[in-house]
Structure formats: structure tokens, C-alpha cells
């Protein structure tokens, strides 16, 4: 039996959906691992260099902010990926 056009489209959508889920999962995991590295490095760097007084002049503030953004982004992608799976 030959699959109808609608069935073919559905098969194509499921393949692209699985590909996008795999890609989103890898990005979310990379962001989560980035947050685990950037947050402590940035926080410890800010603490040890006393850069809390002028955080805009310290490269550690960028690391800390990047860690926060990675954490928020990975949470968002995990929620978005969960909605795709349902």
C-alpha cells in the first residue's frame, strides 16, 4: 500500500520534529553546563578581586552575567522542549 500525501507529510514532520528536539536538547545541555562553569568563576572572581565596588569594569561581571543568562536560557529551552513532547 502506498501512503497518501497526508501520511507522507506527517512522517516528514515527525522526522524534522525529532531533529529539532535533539538539537534543542543539545543546546539546553550546553547552556546548563556553561552556567555551571560561568556562575562560580564569575562569582569567585568578583569576590576575590573586590570588583563588587565597580562591577562594570570587571571581566568577572560579564562571566557572572553570562552564567545567569545561560541558566535562564536552559530553563526556558527545557520548558519549550517539554511542550513539544506533549
Protein backbone atom coordinates (compact mmCIF):
# COMPACT_ATOMS: atom_id res chain seq x y z
CA UNK A 1 0.00 0.00 0.00
CA UNK A 2 1.18 3.42 -0.91
CA UNK A 3 0.98 6.10 1.75
CA UNK A 4 -1.18 9.08 0.92
CA UNK A 5 0.22 12.60 0.70
CA UNK A 6 -1.07 13.45 4.18
CA UNK A 7 0.72 10.46 5.68
CA UNK A 8 3.94 11.44 3.95
CA UNK A 9 3.69 14.98 5.31
CA UNK A 10 3.10 13.64 8.79
CA UNK A 11 6.17 11.38 8.51
CA UNK A 12 8.25 14.33 7.32
CA UNK A 13 7.02 16.45 10.25
CA UNK A 14 7.87 13.75 12.77
CA UNK A 15 11.39 13.45 11.36
CA UNK A 16 12.00 17.20 11.48
CA UNK A 17 10.41 17.36 14.93
CA UNK A 18 12.75 14.68 16.24
CA UNK A 19 15.70 16.51 14.71
CA UNK A 20 14.68 19.81 16.32
CA UNK A 21 14.14 18.11 19.69
CA UNK A 22 17.64 16.64 19.54
CA UNK A 23 19.10 20.00 18.60
CA UNK A 24 17.19 21.81 21.37
CA UNK A 25 18.28 19.23 23.91
CA UNK A 26 21.96 19.68 22.96
CA UNK A 27 21.68 23.47 23.18
CA UNK A 28 19.91 23.29 26.55
CA UNK A 29 22.57 20.95 27.93
CA UNK A 30 25.39 23.15 26.63
CA UNK A 31 23.79 26.19 28.28
CA UNK A 32 23.31 24.28 31.52
CA UNK A 33 26.96 23.21 31.56
CA UNK A 34 28.01 26.76 30.68
CA UNK A 35 26.02 28.09 33.62
CA UNK A 36 27.67 25.58 35.95
CA UNK A 37 31.08 26.91 34.91
CA UNK A 38 30.43 30.62 34.43
CA UNK A 39 28.47 31.32 37.62
CA UNK A 40 31.08 30.08 40.12
CA UNK A 41 34.01 31.51 38.15
CA UNK A 42 32.35 34.90 37.88
CA UNK A 43 31.21 34.96 41.49
CA UNK A 44 34.56 33.86 42.90
CA UNK A 45 36.39 36.30 40.62
CA UNK A 46 34.19 39.18 41.73
CA UNK A 47 34.64 38.23 45.37
CA UNK A 48 38.41 37.78 45.30
CA UNK A 49 39.16 40.92 43.28
CA UNK A 50 36.77 43.13 45.26
CA UNK A 51 35.14 44.12 41.98
CA UNK A 52 31.75 44.49 43.69
CA UNK A 53 32.51 48.19 44.08
CA UNK A 54 32.77 48.76 40.31
CA UNK A 55 31.34 45.68 38.59
CA UNK A 56 31.09 47.33 35.16
CA UNK A 57 34.89 47.47 34.97
CA UNK A 58 35.47 43.80 35.78
CA UNK A 59 35.52 40.95 33.26
CA UNK A 60 34.18 38.70 36.01
CA UNK A 61 30.90 40.58 35.95
CA UNK A 62 30.47 39.53 32.31
CA UNK A 63 31.16 35.91 33.25
CA UNK A 64 28.65 36.07 36.09
CA UNK A 65 26.00 37.70 33.88
CA UNK A 66 26.68 35.13 31.16
CA UNK A 67 26.15 32.35 33.69
CA UNK A 68 22.82 33.84 34.74
CA UNK A 69 21.74 34.14 31.10
CA UNK A 70 22.78 30.54 30.40
CA UNK A 71 20.82 29.30 33.39
CA UNK A 72 17.67 31.19 32.39
CA UNK A 73 18.04 30.14 28.77
CA UNK A 74 18.47 26.46 29.62
CA UNK A 75 15.36 26.56 31.82
CA UNK A 76 13.38 28.20 29.02
CA UNK A 77 14.56 25.64 26.45
CA UNK A 78 13.74 22.75 28.78
CA UNK A 79 10.20 24.07 29.24
CA UNK A 80 9.84 24.65 25.50
CA UNK A 81 11.11 21.17 24.72
CA UNK A 82 8.68 19.68 27.24
CA UNK A 83 5.80 21.43 25.45
CA UNK A 84 6.93 19.95 22.10
CA UNK A 85 6.96 16.42 23.53
CA UNK A 86 3.34 16.59 24.67
